[in-house]
Protein backbone atom coordinates (compact mmCIF):
# COMPACT_ATOMS: atom_id res chain seq x y z
CA UNK A 1 -1.57 -22.60 26.44
CA UNK A 2 -3.03 -19.35 24.98
CA UNK A 3 -1.19 -16.89 22.74
CA UNK A 4 -0.62 -14.49 25.34
CA UNK A 5 0.87 -16.77 27.96
CA UNK A 6 4.09 -18.49 25.13
CA UNK A 7 7.07 -16.65 25.34
CA UNK A 8 7.90 -15.17 22.12
CA UNK A 9 10.51 -16.72 20.68
CA UNK A 10 11.61 -13.62 18.83
CA UNK A 11 11.56 -10.03 19.48
CA UNK A 12 13.49 -7.45 17.93
CA UNK A 13 13.33 -3.50 17.11
CA UNK A 14 14.49 -0.96 15.64
CA UNK A 15 13.74 2.79 15.22
CA UNK A 16 15.62 2.99 11.53
CA UNK A 17 15.01 0.32 9.29
CA UNK A 18 17.06 1.63 6.05
CA UNK A 19 19.88 -0.25 7.42
CA UNK A 20 18.20 -4.20 8.02
CA UNK A 21 16.26 -3.62 4.70
CA UNK A 22 19.70 -3.11 2.54
CA UNK A 23 20.79 -5.82 4.14
CA UNK A 24 17.74 -7.81 3.63
CA UNK A 25 17.44 -6.37 -0.35
CA UNK A 26 21.18 -7.84 -0.57
CA UNK A 27 20.09 -11.33 -0.97
CA UNK A 28 16.56 -10.52 -2.35
CA UNK A 29 16.88 -12.68 -5.77
CA UNK A 30 14.22 -14.93 -4.39
CA UNK A 31 11.04 -15.04 -3.15
CA UNK A 32 11.34 -17.37 -0.25
CA UNK A 33 13.91 -17.10 2.42
CA UNK A 34 14.57 -19.12 5.69
CA UNK A 35 15.43 -16.97 8.66
CA UNK A 36 17.59 -18.75 11.00
CA UNK A 37 17.43 -16.84 14.76
CA UNK A 38 20.34 -17.67 17.44
CA UNK A 39 21.04 -15.22 20.36
CA UNK A 40 23.96 -13.71 17.89
CA UNK A 41 21.79 -12.04 15.61
CA UNK A 42 19.55 -13.16 11.92
CA UNK A 43 20.65 -15.58 9.19
CA UNK A 44 18.78 -14.51 6.04
CA UNK A 45 19.36 -17.92 3.39
CA UNK A 46 18.41 -18.04 0.08
CA UNK A 47 18.90 -20.52 -2.69
CA UNK A 48 18.34 -20.52 -6.59
CA UNK A 49 19.18 -23.45 -8.79
CA UNK A 50 20.79 -25.98 -6.33
CA UNK A 51 23.61 -23.39 -7.40
CA UNK A 52 23.59 -20.26 -5.50
CA UNK A 53 23.14 -19.60 -2.00
CA UNK A 54 23.05 -16.09 -0.32
CA UNK A 55 23.36 -15.70 3.33
CA UNK A 56 22.90 -12.27 5.36
CA UNK A 57 25.02 -12.15 8.59
CA UNK A 58 22.62 -9.90 10.57
CA UNK A 59 24.12 -9.36 13.91
CA UNK A 60 21.62 -8.79 16.92
CA UNK A 61 23.15 -5.11 17.45
CA UNK A 62 21.50 -3.80 14.50
CA UNK A 63 18.64 -3.91 16.13
CA UNK A 64 17.88 -1.62 18.90
CA UNK A 65 16.13 -4.06 20.94
CA UNK A 66 16.32 -8.04 19.96
CA UNK A 67 15.30 -10.87 22.34
CA UNK A 68 15.78 -14.51 21.75
CA UNK A 69 13.94 -17.22 24.13
CA UNK A 70 14.56 -20.53 22.39
CA UNK A 71 11.87 -22.76 21.32
CA UNK A 72 9.96 -24.45 24.31
CA UNK A 73 7.96 -27.26 24.50
CA UNK A 74 5.06 -25.62 24.79
CA UNK A 75 5.28 -23.60 21.78
CA UNK A 76 7.61 -25.78 19.77
CA UNK A 77 4.58 -29.20 20.01
CA UNK A 78 7.60 -31.52 21.27
CA UNK A 79 10.53 -31.82 24.27
CA UNK A 80 12.96 -30.45 22.33
CA UNK A 81 17.25 -32.12 21.70
CA UNK A 82 19.28 -30.42 24.77
CA UNK A 83 22.56 -29.25 22.87
CA UNK A 84 25.69 -29.63 23.97
CA UNK A 85 27.75 -26.60 24.58
CA UNK A 86 29.82 -26.46 21.62
CA UNK A 87 26.16 -26.65 19.89
CA UNK A 88 23.94 -23.30 19.73
CA UNK A 89 19.96 -22.89 20.15
CA UNK A 90 18.35 -22.10 17.08
CA UNK A 91 15.32 -21.55 15.31
CA UNK A 92 13.79 -21.15 11.61
CA UNK A 93 11.28 -20.57 9.72
CA UNK A 94 10.33 -19.26 5.79
CA UNK A 95 8.73 -16.15 4.92
CA UNK A 96 7.69 -14.53 1.15
CA UNK A 97 11.04 -12.09 1.24
CA UNK A 98 10.10 -9.47 -1.28
CA UNK A 99 6.35 -9.17 1.20
CA UNK A 100 8.86 -8.17 4.24
CA UNK A 101 10.53 -5.75 1.76
CA UNK A 102 8.01 -3.83 0.50
CA UNK A 103 5.86 -3.70 4.20
CA UNK A 104 9.12 -1.90 5.41
CA UNK A 105 8.90 0.35 2.54
CA UNK A 106 5.29 1.14 2.81
CA UNK A 107 6.02 4.51 3.91
CA UNK A 108 8.87 5.26 1.24
CA UNK A 109 11.93 5.83 3.66
CA UNK A 110 13.17 2.45 3.68
CA UNK A 111 14.87 2.49 0.62
CA UNK A 112 15.15 0.29 -2.44
CA UNK A 113 13.17 0.03 -5.40
CA UNK A 114 9.95 1.68 -4.20
CA UNK A 115 10.00 4.99 -4.07
CA UNK A 116 7.59 7.34 -1.82
CA UNK A 117 6.56 9.51 -5.05
CA UNK A 118 6.51 7.73 -7.78
CA UNK A 119 5.65 3.83 -5.89
CA UNK A 120 3.38 1.70 -4.86
CA UNK A 121 3.20 3.80 -1.86
CA UNK A 122 2.87 7.43 -1.11
CA UNK A 123 4.64 8.86 2.05
CA UNK A 124 2.45 9.94 5.38
CA UNK A 125 2.13 13.81 4.92
CA UNK A 126 2.49 15.27 8.29
CA UNK A 127 0.06 18.20 9.76
CA UNK A 128 1.20 21.37 7.85
CA UNK A 129 3.05 19.39 5.54
CA UNK A 130 2.39 20.86 1.84
CA UNK A 131 0.49 18.74 -0.48
CA UNK A 132 1.36 17.83 -4.36
CA UNK A 133 -1.55 18.31 -6.20
CA UNK A 134 -2.11 14.87 -6.78
CA UNK A 135 -2.84 14.10 -3.25
CA UNK A 136 -4.84 16.77 -2.30
CA UNK A 137 -7.98 14.63 -3.09
CA UNK A 138 -10.42 16.19 0.00
CA UNK A 139 -10.59 13.12 1.42
CA UNK A 140 -9.93 12.65 5.37
CA UNK A 141 -11.45 10.58 8.53
CA UNK A 142 -13.86 10.74 10.93
CA UNK A 143 -13.41 12.45 14.22
CA UNK A 144 -13.21 9.46 16.04
CA UNK A 145 -10.76 8.02 13.73
CA UNK A 146 -8.66 10.45 13.93
CA UNK A 147 -9.40 10.40 18.12
CA UNK A 148 -8.50 6.67 18.14
CA UNK A 149 -5.29 7.08 15.76
CA UNK A 150 -3.88 9.95 18.25
CA UNK A 151 -4.45 6.83 21.14
CA UNK A 152 -2.38 4.53 18.50
CA UNK A 153 0.33 7.49 17.95
CA UNK A 154 0.68 7.79 21.85
CA UNK A 155 1.61 4.38 22.09
CA UNK A 156 3.51 3.88 19.24
CA UNK A 157 5.78 7.13 20.78
CA UNK A 158 7.08 4.68 23.44
CA UNK A 159 9.20 2.15 20.80
CA UNK A 160 9.16 4.35 17.03
CA UNK A 161 10.78 8.17 17.93
CA UNK A 162 10.64 11.50 16.04
CA UNK A 163 12.69 13.55 14.57
CA UNK A 164 13.16 16.13 11.82
CA UNK A 165 14.57 13.21 9.47
CA UNK A 166 11.69 11.11 7.70
CA UNK A 167 12.27 7.27 8.59
CA UNK A 168 10.79 4.46 9.13
CA UNK A 169 11.09 2.32 12.49
CA UNK A 170 10.10 -1.65 13.23
CA UNK A 171 8.92 -3.88 15.64
CA UNK A 172 8.96 -7.61 14.83
CA UNK A 173 7.86 -10.70 17.00
CA UNK A 174 7.51 -14.05 15.68
CA UNK A 175 5.62 -16.56 18.90
CA UNK A 176 6.67 -19.93 17.17
CA UNK A 177 6.27 -22.97 14.93
CA UNK A 178 2.76 -22.00 13.59
CA UNK A 179 2.60 -18.61 14.27
CA UNK A 180 2.81 -15.81 11.41
CA UNK A 181 5.86 -13.17 11.63
CA UNK A 182 3.67 -10.01 13.37
CA UNK A 183 5.51 -6.77 11.65
CA UNK A 184 4.42 -3.36 13.30
CA UNK A 185 6.34 -0.13 11.19
CA UNK A 186 5.55 3.26 11.84
CA UNK A 187 7.30 6.84 10.16
CA UNK A 188 7.24 8.42 13.79
CA UNK A 189 5.24 8.85 16.81
CA UNK A 190 2.85 11.56 14.70
CA UNK A 191 2.28 9.35 11.80
CA UNK A 192 -0.18 6.02 11.59
CA UNK A 193 1.19 2.54 12.56
CA UNK A 194 0.59 -0.38 10.21
CA UNK A 195 0.48 -3.45 11.28
CA UNK A 196 1.29 -6.75 9.41
CA UNK A 197 0.94 -10.72 9.79
CA UNK A 198 3.35 -12.33 7.04
CA UNK A 199 2.80 -16.27 6.90
CA UNK A 200 5.67 -18.58 8.10
CA UNK A 201 6.49 -22.05 6.83
CA UNK A 202 8.26 -24.44 7.76
CA UNK A 203 12.20 -24.19 7.28
CA UNK A 204 13.03 -26.95 4.75
CA UNK A 205 16.93 -28.07 4.11
CA UNK A 206 18.60 -25.72 1.65
CA UNK A 207 21.73 -26.12 -0.35
CA UNK A 208 24.69 -26.94 1.76
CA UNK A 209 28.16 -25.83 -0.16
CA UNK A 210 30.79 -25.77 3.12
CA UNK A 211 34.02 -24.03 1.90
CA UNK A 212 37.50 -25.39 3.24
CA UNK A 213 40.02 -22.93 3.51
CA UNK A 214 42.46 -25.02 4.06
CA UNK A 215 41.28 -26.19 0.14
CA UNK A 216 41.57 -22.66 -0.69
CA UNK A 217 43.61 -21.88 -4.39
CA UNK A 218 42.84 -18.10 -4.54
CA UNK A 219 41.98 -15.00 -1.97
CA UNK A 220 41.24 -11.82 -2.69
CA UNK A 221 40.74 -8.63 -0.84
CA UNK A 222 39.49 -5.50 -2.60
CA UNK A 223 37.51 -2.52 -2.48
CA UNK A 224 34.05 -3.12 -3.46
CA UNK A 225 33.72 -0.19 -6.21
CA UNK A 226 36.62 -1.87 -8.34
CA UNK A 227 34.59 -5.34 -8.73
CA UNK A 228 31.52 -3.18 -8.88
CA UNK A 229 32.80 -0.69 -11.87
CA UNK A 230 33.92 -3.90 -13.51
CA UNK A 231 30.70 -5.90 -13.83
CA UNK A 232 28.88 -2.71 -14.17
CA UNK A 233 30.56 -2.76 -17.74
CA UNK A 234 29.52 -6.30 -19.08
CA UNK A 235 26.80 -6.50 -21.52
CA UNK A 236 23.92 -8.43 -19.92
CA UNK A 237 23.64 -11.26 -22.41
CA UNK A 238 27.33 -12.60 -21.34
CA UNK A 239 26.64 -16.65 -20.09
CA UNK A 240 29.41 -16.85 -18.12
CA UNK A 241 32.03 -15.53 -16.00
CA UNK A 242 35.65 -16.61 -15.16
CA UNK A 243 38.09 -15.82 -12.78
CA UNK A 244 41.49 -15.90 -13.58
CA UNK A 245 44.79 -16.45 -11.13
CA UNK A 246 48.41 -16.64 -11.65
CA UNK A 247 50.77 -16.50 -9.01
CA UNK A 248 52.54 -12.90 -8.30
CA UNK A 249 55.80 -13.24 -9.75
CA UNK A 250 59.44 -10.66 -7.96
CA UNK A 251 61.65 -9.28 -10.34
CA UNK A 252 65.23 -8.79 -9.83
CA UNK A 253 65.14 -5.96 -6.95
CA UNK A 254 68.14 -4.71 -8.72
CA UNK A 255 66.49 -4.40 -12.17
CA UNK A 256 65.43 -0.04 -12.58
CA UNK A 257 61.82 0.17 -10.90
CA UNK A 258 60.74 1.32 -14.91
CA UNK A 259 62.13 -2.61 -16.20
CA UNK A 260 60.36 -4.28 -13.12
CA UNK A 261 57.48 -2.60 -13.94
CA UNK A 262 57.84 -3.87 -17.21
CA UNK A 263 58.47 -7.19 -16.62
CA UNK A 264 54.94 -7.55 -14.50
CA UNK A 265 53.17 -6.24 -17.23
CA UNK A 266 54.63 -8.76 -19.51
CA UNK A 267 54.02 -11.50 -17.13
CA UNK A 268 50.57 -13.55 -16.61
CA UNK A 269 47.61 -11.36 -14.93
CA UNK A 270 47.79 -11.80 -11.07
CA UNK A 271 43.73 -11.71 -11.51
CA UNK A 272 41.60 -11.54 -14.61
CA UNK A 273 38.07 -11.49 -14.93
CA UNK A 274 36.91 -12.71 -18.53
CA UNK A 275 32.88 -12.91 -19.82
CA UNK A 276 32.25 -14.80 -22.48
CA UNK A 277 28.84 -14.04 -24.34
CA UNK A 278 27.01 -13.94 -27.81
CA UNK A 279 28.89 -10.64 -28.90
CA UNK A 280 32.59 -11.44 -27.79
CA UNK A 281 34.63 -11.39 -25.10
CA UNK A 282 35.72 -9.06 -22.66
CA UNK A 283 39.04 -9.45 -19.98
CA UNK A 284 39.54 -7.11 -17.20
CA UNK A 285 42.94 -7.14 -15.96
CA UNK A 286 44.02 -6.30 -12.13
CA UNK A 287 47.53 -6.00 -11.01
CA UNK A 288 48.90 -7.06 -7.65
CA UNK A 289 48.88 -3.48 -6.91
CA UNK A 290 48.00 -2.57 -2.90
CA UNK A 291 45.87 0.32 -4.38
CA UNK A 292 43.99 -2.12 -6.33
CA UNK A 293 44.32 -5.42 -4.62
CA UNK A 294 44.27 -5.18 -0.95
CA UNK A 295 45.20 -8.64 -0.36
CA UNK A 296 45.99 -11.27 -3.09
CA UNK A 297 47.10 -15.28 -2.15
CA UNK A 298 47.49 -17.38 -5.18
CA UNK A 299 49.97 -20.17 -5.33
CA UNK A 300 48.78 -21.87 -8.65
CA UNK A 301 47.24 -21.14 -11.34
CA UNK A 302 43.58 -20.81 -10.85
CA UNK A 303 40.83 -20.59 -13.53
CA UNK A 304 36.87 -21.34 -12.89
CA UNK A 305 34.31 -20.50 -14.87
CA UNK A 306 30.19 -19.60 -13.22
CA UNK A 307 27.09 -18.59 -15.16
CA UNK A 308 26.70 -14.82 -15.09
CA UNK A 309 23.47 -15.00 -14.64
CA UNK A 310 24.10 -15.74 -10.59
CA UNK A 311 27.17 -13.58 -10.49
CA UNK A 312 24.91 -11.25 -11.86
CA UNK A 313 22.75 -11.81 -8.43
CA UNK A 314 25.23 -9.84 -5.87
CA UNK A 315 24.91 -6.79 -7.87
CA UNK A 316 22.80 -5.68 -5.19
CA UNK A 317 25.03 -6.17 -1.83
CA UNK A 318 27.80 -4.99 -3.92
CA UNK A 319 26.38 -1.84 -4.45
CA UNK A 320 25.94 -1.01 -0.95
CA UNK A 321 29.24 -3.01 0.49
CA UNK A 322 32.57 -1.58 1.16
CA UNK A 323 34.87 -4.50 0.88
CA UNK A 324 34.44 -7.90 -0.63
CA UNK A 325 36.50 -11.03 -0.41
CA UNK A 326 36.64 -13.72 -3.60
CA UNK A 327 38.05 -17.35 -2.61
CA UNK A 328 37.68 -20.17 -4.80
CA UNK A 329 38.52 -23.39 -3.47
CA UNK A 330 40.17 -26.10 -5.37
CA UNK A 331 36.95 -27.34 -6.60
CA UNK A 332 36.21 -24.32 -8.23
CA UNK A 333 33.51 -22.99 -5.20
CA UNK A 334 33.31 -19.37 -5.26
CA UNK A 335 32.93 -17.45 -2.09
CA UNK A 336 32.06 -13.45 -2.04
CA UNK A 337 31.80 -11.84 1.28
CA UNK A 338 30.42 -8.64 0.92
CA UNK A 339 31.51 -5.73 4.12
CA UNK A 340 28.63 -3.95 5.18
CA UNK A 341 29.24 -0.50 6.47
CA UNK A 342 28.45 0.37 9.86
CA UNK A 343 25.91 2.21 10.63
CA UNK A 344 27.02 5.71 12.00
CA UNK A 345 24.62 5.47 14.95
CA UNK A 346 25.77 1.96 15.87
CA UNK A 347 29.40 3.56 15.96
CA UNK A 348 28.64 6.47 18.29
CA UNK A 349 26.89 3.50 20.39
CA UNK A 350 30.49 1.60 20.54
CA UNK A 351 28.75 -1.21 18.16
CA UNK A 352 30.58 -1.54 15.77
CA UNK A 353 29.87 -5.49 14.60
CA UNK A 354 30.77 -5.51 10.60
CA UNK A 355 27.55 -7.19 8.81
CA UNK A 356 28.36 -9.55 5.98
CA UNK A 357 27.05 -11.01 3.11
CA UNK A 358 28.47 -13.52 1.61
CA UNK A 359 27.41 -15.43 -1.64
CA UNK A 360 28.60 -18.94 -2.51
CA UNK A 361 28.44 -20.30 -6.26
CA UNK A 362 29.74 -23.92 -7.97
CA UNK A 363 31.18 -23.26 -10.89
CA UNK A 364 30.55 -24.55 -14.29
CA UNK A 365 31.03 -28.40 -14.61
CA UNK A 366 33.53 -27.84 -17.53
CA UNK A 367 35.67 -26.02 -15.19
CA UNK A 368 35.30 -28.04 -11.70
């Protein structure tokens, strides 16, 4: 069967890649990523040192178009097993994640570390736009190239919308195992269109870190800004980070409010972050206050430590998120879930699914 006759496993498109790119950047701490495709959307999984696992949950409503066709015998190469009612049809492959992010930001409008003016790529100058001195090199394209370019732009205009705001549109296609991930990006219908094929690899089994909610000993929900500010204050040379939780104590309701507050201050902190490094320790305490901790569940004292370099991998996702859920089970497995904001365009369309990024990390053996 020819490539044209094979039904692609995945076809997805979006008019503005910034949100999609932000979700991918949140787990871009290792280059090789496993992409799992389901009817509900994409799961992008990255792991490090068999200790840290990062997963971006990207639901299908992030895209303006999302078509998933489970792998068939023709493009899979063998007869697939029939799933039960409880099982979900999935397709998985690995890609170099950094290559995809670089491509999405090729016009400098997708956010991230690559700047449109000072980064690796320069933004496309539309007709009539003023050129910077360093861009006025006198170069141009021939008449034949211009005509061909206009024809391609007309076709791409069916998908890549135009507007006053500079943004990058994308369409990606994955035919199936053995085929590359084909990505088409354009700034808009009046700009150039770039097509790139990113090599895919067979998905290998990654680290399994199942979190058992029944064995959870600490659960905290707080605004991401609180945790973000705390981590930003720490010395990068820190070796380990310790999370400490203590059950909330309620003083006698008959006491004066000032005395109640003093008792709370004298008690062990409900939640403490302790950083240990070459130059000493840093401690940050959080009270069980709804203005700080929106939710706090802890029945017994909890104390587990983690390698700071692993926790630092969550910073990109933390910077973009609005809320953070921190959970620890009785063996010290840490789960950090970052709730990502819903784009305004999705809210207007009634597509309010909350996408999130989750990190799971094993505790240091001295505490596990």
